[in-house]
PDB file of N, CA and C in Angstrom:
ATOM      1  N   MET A   1      50.686 113.834 159.976  1.00  0.00           N
ATOM      2  CA  MET A   1      50.516 113.587 158.602  1.00  0.00           C
ATOM      3  C   MET A   1      50.120 112.154 158.477  1.00  0.00           C
ATOM      4  N   LEU A   2      49.230 111.807 157.458  1.00  0.00           N
ATOM      5  CA  LEU A   2      48.633 110.516 157.263  1.00  0.00           C
ATOM      6  C   LEU A   2      49.410 109.703 156.224  1.00  0.00           C
ATOM      7  N   LYS A   3      49.769 108.447 156.535  1.00  0.00           N
ATOM      8  CA  LYS A   3      50.423 107.553 155.590  1.00  0.00           C
ATOM      9  C   LYS A   3      49.615 106.228 155.575  1.00  0.00           C
ATOM     10  N   TYR A   4      49.840 105.522 154.550  1.00  0.00           N
ATOM     11  CA  TYR A   4      49.133 104.215 154.456  1.00  0.00           C
ATOM     12  C   TYR A   4      50.154 103.118 154.562  1.00  0.00           C
ATOM     13  N   MET A   5      50.048 102.211 155.540  1.00  0.00           N
ATOM     14  CA  MET A   5      50.903 101.097 155.772  1.00  0.00           C
ATOM     15  C   MET A   5      50.288  99.905 155.110  1.00  0.00           C
ATOM     16  N   ALA A   6      51.140  99.344 154.191  1.00  0.00           N
ATOM     17  CA  ALA A   6      50.793  98.097 153.539  1.00  0.00           C
ATOM     18  C   ALA A   6      51.524  96.969 154.254  1.00  0.00           C
ATOM     19  N   GLU A   7      50.750  96.115 154.881  1.00  0.00           N
ATOM     20  CA  GLU A   7      51.367  94.939 155.480  1.00  0.00           C
ATOM     21  C   GLU A   7      51.294  93.731 154.612  1.00  0.00           C
ATOM     22  N   HIS A   8      52.342  93.046 154.369  1.00  0.00           N
ATOM     23  CA  HIS A   8      52.365  91.911 153.478  1.00  0.00           C
ATOM     24  C   HIS A   8      53.008  90.767 154.245  1.00  0.00           C
ATOM     25  N   SER A   9      52.259  90.147 155.061  1.00  0.00           N
ATOM     26  CA  SER A   9      52.781  88.985 155.811  1.00  0.00           C
ATOM     27  C   SER A   9      51.645  87.917 155.687  1.00  0.00           C
ATOM     28  N   TRP A  10      51.391  87.227 156.749  1.00  0.00           N
ATOM     29  CA  TRP A  10      50.313  86.203 156.699  1.00  0.00           C
ATOM     30  C   TRP A  10      48.940  86.836 156.538  1.00  0.00           C
ATOM     31  N   ARG A  11      48.844  88.125 156.873  1.00  0.00           N
ATOM     32  CA  ARG A  11      47.588  88.844 156.717  1.00  0.00           C
ATOM     33  C   ARG A  11      47.836  90.112 155.994  1.00  0.00           C
ATOM     34  N   ASP A  12      47.459  90.161 154.759  1.00  0.00           N
ATOM     35  CA  ASP A  12      47.668  91.372 153.932  1.00  0.00           C
ATOM     36  C   ASP A  12      46.603  92.430 154.249  1.00  0.00           C
ATOM     37  N   GLU A  13      46.999  93.671 154.553  1.00  0.00           N
ATOM     38  CA  GLU A  13      46.061  94.669 154.820  1.00  0.00           C
ATOM     39  C   GLU A  13      46.677  96.090 154.590  1.00  0.00           C
ATOM     40  N   ILE A  14      45.843  97.119 154.498  1.00  0.00           N
ATOM     41  CA  ILE A  14      46.289  98.468 154.365  1.00  0.00           C
ATOM     42  C   ILE A  14      45.633  99.230 155.435  1.00  0.00           C
ATOM     43  N   ARG A  15      46.476  99.926 156.250  1.00  0.00           N
ATOM     44  CA  ARG A  15      45.915 100.735 157.400  1.00  0.00           C
ATOM     45  C   ARG A  15      46.400 102.167 157.207  1.00  0.00           C
ATOM     46  N   ALA A  16      45.656 103.101 157.614  1.00  0.00           N
ATOM     47  CA  ALA A  16      45.988 104.529 157.703  1.00  0.00           C
ATOM     48  C   ALA A  16      46.648 104.696 159.074  1.00  0.00           C
ATOM     49  N   VAL A  17      47.835 105.349 159.048  1.00  0.00           N
ATOM     50  CA  VAL A  17      48.524 105.585 160.240  1.00  0.00           C
ATOM     51  C   VAL A  17      48.958 107.143 160.345  1.00  0.00           C
ATOM     52  N   GLU A  18      48.888 107.577 161.495  1.00  0.00           N
ATOM     53  CA  GLU A  18      49.312 108.987 161.789  1.00  0.00           C
ATOM     54  C   GLU A  18      50.845 108.950 161.998  1.00  0.00           C
ATOM     55  N   VAL A  19      51.522 109.735 161.163  1.00  0.00           N
ATOM     56  CA  VAL A  19      53.029 109.752 161.209  1.00  0.00           C
ATOM     57  C   VAL A  19      53.432 111.101 161.830  1.00  0.00           C
ATOM     58  N   ASP A  20      54.243 111.018 162.879  1.00  0.00           N
ATOM     59  CA  ASP A  20      54.833 112.271 163.508  1.00  0.00           C
ATOM     60  C   ASP A  20      55.763 113.010 162.656  1.00  0.00           C
ATOM     61  N   LYS A  21      56.726 112.235 162.056  1.00  0.00           N
ATOM     62  CA  LYS A  21      57.791 112.817 161.298  1.00  0.00           C
ATOM     63  C   LYS A  21      58.220 111.848 160.162  1.00  0.00           C
ATOM     64  N   GLU A  22      58.780 112.433 159.082  1.00  0.00           N
ATOM     65  CA  GLU A  22      59.140 111.544 157.976  1.00  0.00           C
ATOM     66  C   GLU A  22      60.472 112.050 157.374  1.00  0.00           C
ATOM     67  N   THR A  23      61.322 111.063 157.000  1.00  0.00           N
ATOM     68  CA  THR A  23      62.570 111.311 156.188  1.00  0.00           C
ATOM     69  C   THR A  23      62.449 110.516 154.919  1.00  0.00           C
ATOM     70  N   GLU A  24      63.449 110.487 154.162  1.00  0.00           N
ATOM     71  CA  GLU A  24      63.456 109.796 152.976  1.00  0.00           C
ATOM     72  C   GLU A  24      63.319 108.264 153.193  1.00  0.00           C
ATOM     73  N   SER A  25      63.902 107.811 154.265  1.00  0.00           N
ATOM     74  CA  SER A  25      63.937 106.319 154.608  1.00  0.00           C
ATOM     75  C   SER A  25      63.121 105.874 155.768  1.00  0.00           C
ATOM     76  N   SER A  26      62.621 106.832 156.571  1.00  0.00           N
ATOM     77  CA  SER A  26      61.992 106.449 157.851  1.00  0.00           C
ATOM     78  C   SER A  26      60.761 107.225 158.072  1.00  0.00           C
ATOM     79  N   VAL A  27      59.905 106.709 158.973  1.00  0.00           N
ATOM     80  CA  VAL A  27      58.728 107.436 159.503  1.00  0.00           C
ATOM     81  C   VAL A  27      58.782 107.229 161.081  1.00  0.00           C
ATOM     82  N   TRP A  28      58.243 108.129 161.752  1.00  0.00           N
ATOM     83  CA  TRP A  28      58.169 108.041 163.226  1.00  0.00           C
ATOM     84  C   TRP A  28      56.677 107.989 163.634  1.00  0.00           C
ATOM     85  N   ILE A  29      56.278 106.955 164.313  1.00  0.00           N
ATOM     86  CA  ILE A  29      54.882 106.721 164.736  1.00  0.00           C
ATOM     87  C   ILE A  29      54.900 106.635 166.213  1.00  0.00           C
ATOM     88  N   SER A  30      54.240 107.483 166.925  1.00  0.00           N
ATOM     89  CA  SER A  30      54.148 107.570 168.391  1.00  0.00           C
ATOM     90  C   SER A  30      55.610 107.664 168.936  1.00  0.00           C
ATOM     91  N   GLY A  31      56.493 108.436 168.294  1.00  0.00           N
ATOM     92  CA  GLY A  31      57.849 108.581 168.770  1.00  0.00           C
ATOM     93  C   GLY A  31      58.808 107.505 168.452  1.00  0.00           C
ATOM     94  N   ARG A  32      58.353 106.475 167.780  1.00  0.00           N
ATOM     95  CA  ARG A  32      59.209 105.325 167.448  1.00  0.00           C
ATOM     96  C   ARG A  32      59.518 105.378 165.925  1.00  0.00           C
ATOM     97  N   ARG A  33      60.785 105.172 165.623  1.00  0.00           N
ATOM     98  CA  ARG A  33      61.231 105.240 164.216  1.00  0.00           C
ATOM     99  C   ARG A  33      60.992 103.873 163.578  1.00  0.00           C
ATOM    100  N   ARG A  34      60.483 103.891 162.339  1.00  0.00           N
ATOM    101  CA  ARG A  34      60.239 102.700 161.532  1.00  0.00           C
ATOM    102  C   ARG A  34      60.800 102.944 160.126  1.00  0.00           C
ATOM    103  N   PRO A  35      61.372 101.957 159.529  1.00  0.00           N
ATOM    104  CA  PRO A  35      61.886 102.183 158.076  1.00  0.00           C
ATOM    105  C   PRO A  35      60.612 102.169 157.227  1.00  0.00           C
ATOM    106  N   LYS A  36      60.675 102.941 156.186  1.00  0.00           N
ATOM    107  CA  LYS A  36      59.593 103.107 155.206  1.00  0.00           C
ATOM    108  C   LYS A  36      59.387 101.813 154.423  1.00  0.00           C
ATOM    109  N   ILE A  37      60.471 101.069 154.162  1.00  0.00           N
ATOM    110  CA  ILE A  37      60.411  99.815 153.491  1.00  0.00           C
ATOM    111  C   ILE A  37      61.061  98.759 154.362  1.00  0.00           C
ATOM    112  N   ALA A  38      60.227  97.773 154.811  1.00  0.00           N
ATOM    113  CA  ALA A  38      60.694  96.718 155.630  1.00  0.00           C
ATOM    114  C   ALA A  38      60.240  95.378 155.097  1.00  0.00           C
ATOM    115  N   GLN A  39      60.639  94.282 155.623  1.00  0.00           N
ATOM    116  CA  GLN A  39      60.259  93.020 155.056  1.00  0.00           C
ATOM    117  C   GLN A  39      58.778  92.810 155.029  1.00  0.00           C
ATOM    118  N   SER A  40      58.052  93.245 156.053  1.00  0.00           N
ATOM    119  CA  SER A  40      56.648  92.957 156.123  1.00  0.00           C
ATOM    120  C   SER A  40      55.747  94.180 156.043  1.00  0.00           C
ATOM    121  N   ALA A  41      56.311  95.369 155.924  1.00  0.00           N
ATOM    122  CA  ALA A  41      55.429  96.559 155.884  1.00  0.00           C
ATOM    123  C   ALA A  41      56.156  97.630 155.110  1.00  0.00           C
ATOM    124  N   THR A  42      55.356  98.366 154.377  1.00  0.00           N
ATOM    125  CA  THR A  42      55.835  99.616 153.672  1.00  0.00           C
ATOM    126  C   THR A  42      54.892 100.721 153.878  1.00  0.00           C
ATOM    127  N   PHE A  43      55.416 101.943 153.810  1.00  0.00           N
ATOM    128  CA  PHE A  43      54.558 103.154 154.012  1.00  0.00           C
ATOM    129  C   PHE A  43      54.412 103.856 152.686  1.00  0.00           C
ATOM    130  N   HIS A  44      53.180 104.370 152.381  1.00  0.00           N
ATOM    131  CA  HIS A  44      52.866 105.016 151.172  1.00  0.00           C
ATOM    132  C   HIS A  44      52.081 106.256 151.391  1.00  0.00           C
ATOM    133  N   ASP A  45      52.144 107.237 150.477  1.00  0.00           N
ATOM    134  CA  ASP A  45      51.442 108.475 150.594  1.00  0.00           C
ATOM    135  C   ASP A  45      49.925 108.309 150.377  1.00  0.00           C
ATOM    136  N   THR A  46      49.558 107.354 149.478  1.00  0.00           N
ATOM    137  CA  THR A  46      48.072 107.183 149.168  1.00  0.00           C
ATOM    138  C   THR A  46      47.715 105.682 149.363  1.00  0.00           C
ATOM    139  N   TRP A  47      46.411 105.494 149.511  1.00  0.00           N
ATOM    140  CA  TRP A  47      45.882 104.161 149.606  1.00  0.00           C
ATOM    141  C   TRP A  47      46.149 103.386 148.291  1.00  0.00           C
ATOM    142  N   ASP A  48      45.925 104.084 147.155  1.00  0.00           N
ATOM    143  CA  ASP A  48      46.143 103.534 145.843  1.00  0.00           C
ATOM    144  C   ASP A  48      47.580 103.029 145.683  1.00  0.00           C
ATOM    145  N   GLU A  49      48.585 103.798 146.121  1.00  0.00           N
ATOM    146  CA  GLU A  49      49.948 103.334 146.017  1.00  0.00           C
ATOM    147  C   GLU A  49      50.170 102.064 146.921  1.00  0.00           C
ATOM    148  N   ALA A  50      49.626 102.120 148.070  1.00  0.00           N
ATOM    149  CA  ALA A  50      49.783 100.911 148.961  1.00  0.00           C
ATOM    150  C   ALA A  50      49.080  99.704 148.341  1.00  0.00           C
ATOM    151  N   HIS A  51      47.958  99.911 147.689  1.00  0.00           N
ATOM    152  CA  HIS A  51      47.193  98.771 147.050  1.00  0.00           C
ATOM    153  C   HIS A  51      48.037  98.258 145.822  1.00  0.00           C
ATOM    154  N   ALA A  52      48.552  99.188 145.057  1.00  0.00           N
ATOM    155  CA  ALA A  52      49.356  98.780 143.890  1.00  0.00           C
ATOM    156  C   ALA A  52      50.601  98.013 144.310  1.00  0.00           C
ATOM    157  N   TYR A  53      51.227  98.382 145.445  1.00  0.00           N
ATOM    158  CA  TYR A  53      52.340  97.622 145.948  1.00  0.00           C
ATOM    159  C   TYR A  53      52.004  96.278 146.340  1.00  0.00           C
ATOM    160  N   LEU A  54      50.835  96.060 147.087  1.00  0.00           N
ATOM    161  CA  LEU A  54      50.446  94.746 147.543  1.00  0.00           C
ATOM    162  C   LEU A  54      50.039  93.862 146.345  1.00  0.00           C
ATOM    163  N   THR A  55      49.372  94.520 145.339  1.00  0.00           N
ATOM    164  CA  THR A  55      48.969  93.870 144.108  1.00  0.00           C
ATOM    165  C   THR A  55      50.174  93.323 143.362  1.00  0.00           C
ATOM    166  N   ALA A  56      51.238  94.118 143.299  1.00  0.00           N
ATOM    167  CA  ALA A  56      52.444  93.676 142.552  1.00  0.00           C
ATOM    168  C   ALA A  56      53.113  92.484 143.293  1.00  0.00           C
ATOM    169  N   ILE A  57      53.132  92.462 144.601  1.00  0.00           N
ATOM    170  CA  ILE A  57      53.666  91.399 145.390  1.00  0.00           C
ATOM    171  C   ILE A  57      52.806  90.134 145.045  1.00  0.00           C
ATOM    172  N   ALA A  58      51.535  90.228 145.104  1.00  0.00           N
ATOM    173  CA  ALA A  58      50.649  89.070 144.927  1.00  0.00           C
ATOM    174  C   ALA A  58      50.810  88.549 143.475  1.00  0.00           C
ATOM    175  N   ASP A  59      50.933  89.445 142.506  1.00  0.00           N
ATOM    176  CA  ASP A  59      51.076  89.062 141.101  1.00  0.00           C
ATOM    177  C   ASP A  59      52.435  88.356 140.927  1.00  0.00           C
ATOM    178  N   GLY A  60      53.437  88.832 141.579  1.00  0.00           N
ATOM    179  CA  GLY A  60      54.750  88.088 141.579  1.00  0.00           C
ATOM    180  C   GLY A  60      54.728  86.699 142.146  1.00  0.00           C
ATOM    181  N   GLU A  61      54.000  86.590 143.175  1.00  0.00           N
ATOM    182  CA  GLU A  61      53.824  85.272 143.866  1.00  0.00           C
ATOM    183  C   GLU A  61      53.082  84.364 142.894  1.00  0.00           C
ATOM    184  N   VAL A  62      52.031  84.793 142.259  1.00  0.00           N
ATOM    185  CA  VAL A  62      51.288  83.943 141.253  1.00  0.00           C
ATOM    186  C   VAL A  62      52.197  83.534 140.160  1.00  0.00           C
ATOM    187  N   MET A  63      52.976  84.439 139.674  1.00  0.00           N
ATOM    188  CA  MET A  63      53.935  84.124 138.568  1.00  0.00           C
ATOM    189  C   MET A  63      54.959  82.986 138.985  1.00  0.00           C
ATOM    190  N   ARG A  64      55.516  83.173 140.248  1.00  0.00           N
ATOM    191  CA  ARG A  64      56.500  82.210 140.808  1.00  0.00           C
ATOM    192  C   ARG A  64      55.790  80.829 140.974  1.00  0.00           C
ATOM    193  N   CYS A  65      54.551  80.824 141.461  1.00  0.00           N
ATOM    194  CA  CYS A  65      53.885  79.620 141.676  1.00  0.00           C
ATOM    195  C   CYS A  65      53.531  78.890 140.314  1.00  0.00           C
ATOM    196  N   ARG A  66      53.125  79.688 139.326  1.00  0.00           N
ATOM    197  CA  ARG A  66      52.840  79.207 137.998  1.00  0.00           C
ATOM    198  C   ARG A  66      54.025  78.569 137.481  1.00  0.00           C
ATOM    199  N   SER A  67      55.151  79.251 137.557  1.00  0.00           N
ATOM    200  CA  SER A  67      56.433  78.736 137.063  1.00  0.00           C
ATOM    201  C   SER A  67      56.843  77.450 137.703  1.00  0.00           C
ATOM    202  N   ALA A  68      56.639  77.381 139.062  1.00  0.00           N
ATOM    203  CA  ALA A  68      57.010  76.146 139.837  1.00  0.00           C
ATOM    204  C   ALA A  68      56.090  75.011 139.355  1.00  0.00           C
ATOM    205  N   LEU A  69      54.803  75.305 139.141  1.00  0.00           N
ATOM    206  CA  LEU A  69      53.752  74.327 138.694  1.00  0.00           C
ATOM    207  C   LEU A  69      54.206  73.765 137.316  1.00  0.00           C
ATOM    208  N   ASP A  70      54.565  74.699 136.394  1.00  0.00           N
ATOM    209  CA  ASP A  70      54.948  74.256 135.045  1.00  0.00           C
ATOM    210  C   ASP A  70      56.211  73.358 135.140  1.00  0.00           C
ATOM    211  N   HIS A  71      57.162  73.747 136.015  1.00  0.00           N
ATOM    212  CA  HIS A  71      58.336  72.922 136.198  1.00  0.00           C
ATOM    213  C   HIS A  71      57.989  71.530 136.738  1.00  0.00           C
ATOM    214  N   ALA A  72      57.126  71.478 137.707  1.00  0.00           N
ATOM    215  CA  ALA A  72      56.691  70.240 138.336  1.00  0.00           C
ATOM    216  C   ALA A  72      55.969  69.313 137.313  1.00  0.00           C
ATOM    217  N   LYS A  73      55.047  69.959 136.487  1.00  0.00           N
ATOM    218  CA  LYS A  73      54.386  69.128 135.410  1.00  0.00           C
ATOM    219  C   LYS A  73      55.431  68.586 134.465  1.00  0.00           C
ATOM    220  N   SER A  74      56.316  69.349 133.985  1.00  0.00           N
ATOM    221  CA  SER A  74      57.379  68.963 133.118  1.00  0.00           C
ATOM    222  C   SER A  74      58.142  67.806 133.704  1.00  0.00           C
ATOM    223  N   ARG A  75      58.491  67.963 134.898  1.00  0.00           N
ATOM    224  CA  ARG A  75      59.304  66.862 135.529  1.00  0.00           C
ATOM    225  C   ARG A  75      58.487  65.582 135.636  1.00  0.00           C
ATOM    226  N   ALA A  76      57.236  65.716 136.059  1.00  0.00           N
ATOM    227  CA  ALA A  76      56.319  64.507 136.201  1.00  0.00           C
ATOM    228  C   ALA A  76      56.183  63.875 134.775  1.00  0.00           C
ATOM    229  N   GLY A  77      56.058  64.668 133.693  1.00  0.00           N
ATOM    230  CA  GLY A  77      55.893  64.125 132.375  1.00  0.00           C
ATOM    231  C   GLY A  77      57.202  63.351 131.987  1.00  0.00           C
ATOM    232  N   ASN A  78      58.309  63.952 132.299  1.00  0.00           N
ATOM    233  CA  ASN A  78      59.628  63.292 132.005  1.00  0.00           C
ATOM    234  C   ASN A  78      59.703  61.949 132.730  1.00  0.00           C
ATOM    235  N   ILE A  79      59.312  61.947 133.983  1.00  0.00           N
ATOM    236  CA  ILE A  79      59.377  60.655 134.715  1.00  0.00           C
ATOM    237  C   ILE A  79      58.449  59.623 134.210  1.00  0.00           C
ATOM    238  N   LYS A  80      57.192  60.028 133.875  1.00  0.00           N
ATOM    239  CA  LYS A  80      56.148  59.132 133.285  1.00  0.00           C
ATOM    240  C   LYS A  80      56.674  58.545 131.931  1.00  0.00           C
ATOM    241  N   ARG A  81      57.413  59.291 131.142  1.00  0.00           N
ATOM    242  CA  ARG A  81      57.902  58.869 129.831  1.00  0.00           C
ATOM    243  C   ARG A  81      59.153  58.004 129.920  1.00  0.00           C
ATOM    244  N   MET A  82      59.695  57.797 131.113  1.00  0.00           N
ATOM    245  CA  MET A  82      60.908  56.977 131.241  1.00  0.00           C
ATOM    246  C   MET A  82      60.624  55.601 130.734  1.00  0.00           C
ATOM    247  N   LYS A  83      61.627  54.927 130.090  1.00  0.00           N
ATOM    248  CA  LYS A  83      61.526  53.627 129.545  1.00  0.00           C
ATOM    249  C   LYS A  83      62.510  52.706 130.381  1.00  0.00           C
ATOM    250  N   ARG A  84      62.041  51.528 130.659  1.00  0.00           N
ATOM    251  CA  ARG A  84      62.916  50.593 131.265  1.00  0.00           C
ATOM    252  C   ARG A  84      64.045  50.175 130.343  1.00  0.00           C
ATOM    253  N   PRO A  85      65.260  50.139 130.884  1.00  0.00           N
ATOM    254  CA  PRO A  85      66.356  49.697 129.979  1.00  0.00           C
ATOM    255  C   PRO A  85      66.142  48.291 129.540  1.00  0.00           C
ATOM    256  N   ALA A  86      66.603  47.912 128.379  1.00  0.00           N
ATOM    257  CA  ALA A  86      66.449  46.582 127.780  1.00  0.00           C
ATOM    258  C   ALA A  86      67.195  45.519 128.636  1.00  0.00           C
ATOM    259  N   ASP A  87      68.267  45.895 129.307  1.00  0.00           N
ATOM    260  CA  ASP A  87      69.036  44.894 130.077  1.00  0.00           C
ATOM    261  C   ASP A  87      68.511  44.647 131.444  1.00  0.00           C
ATOM    262  N   GLN A  88      67.403  45.234 131.866  1.00  0.00           N
ATOM    263  CA  GLN A  88      66.799  44.981 133.200  1.00  0.00           C
ATOM    264  C   GLN A  88      65.441  44.296 133.055  1.00  0.00           C
ATOM    265  N   SER A  89      65.304  43.209 133.711  1.00  0.00           N
ATOM    266  CA  SER A  89      64.021  42.460 133.622  1.00  0.00           C
ATOM    267  C   SER A  89      62.990  42.905 134.697  1.00  0.00           C
ATOM    268  N   ASN A  90      63.375  43.516 135.733  1.00  0.00           N
ATOM    269  CA  ASN A  90      62.403  43.901 136.786  1.00  0.00           C
ATOM    270  C   ASN A  90      62.184  45.378 136.754  1.00  0.00           C
TER     271      ASN A  90
END
């Protein structure tokens, strides 16, 4: 049976793999058991499902980076607006 493995690590890709056996939580490839959902790879029934999964991961990363950038800009603005206390001459 054919499954699509979505790898999300340093190199994002989708590969078709031949699966010997499947359960609800695992697949067997060349006699070796692999979890369907792991840290760096997931197995899907269609290429479109695998693509949607990788897209969701990438969109989440963009949102986290955007939030971090907004936080950094806010912090930089707060620092730039700091005023020297009146009792300090330097």
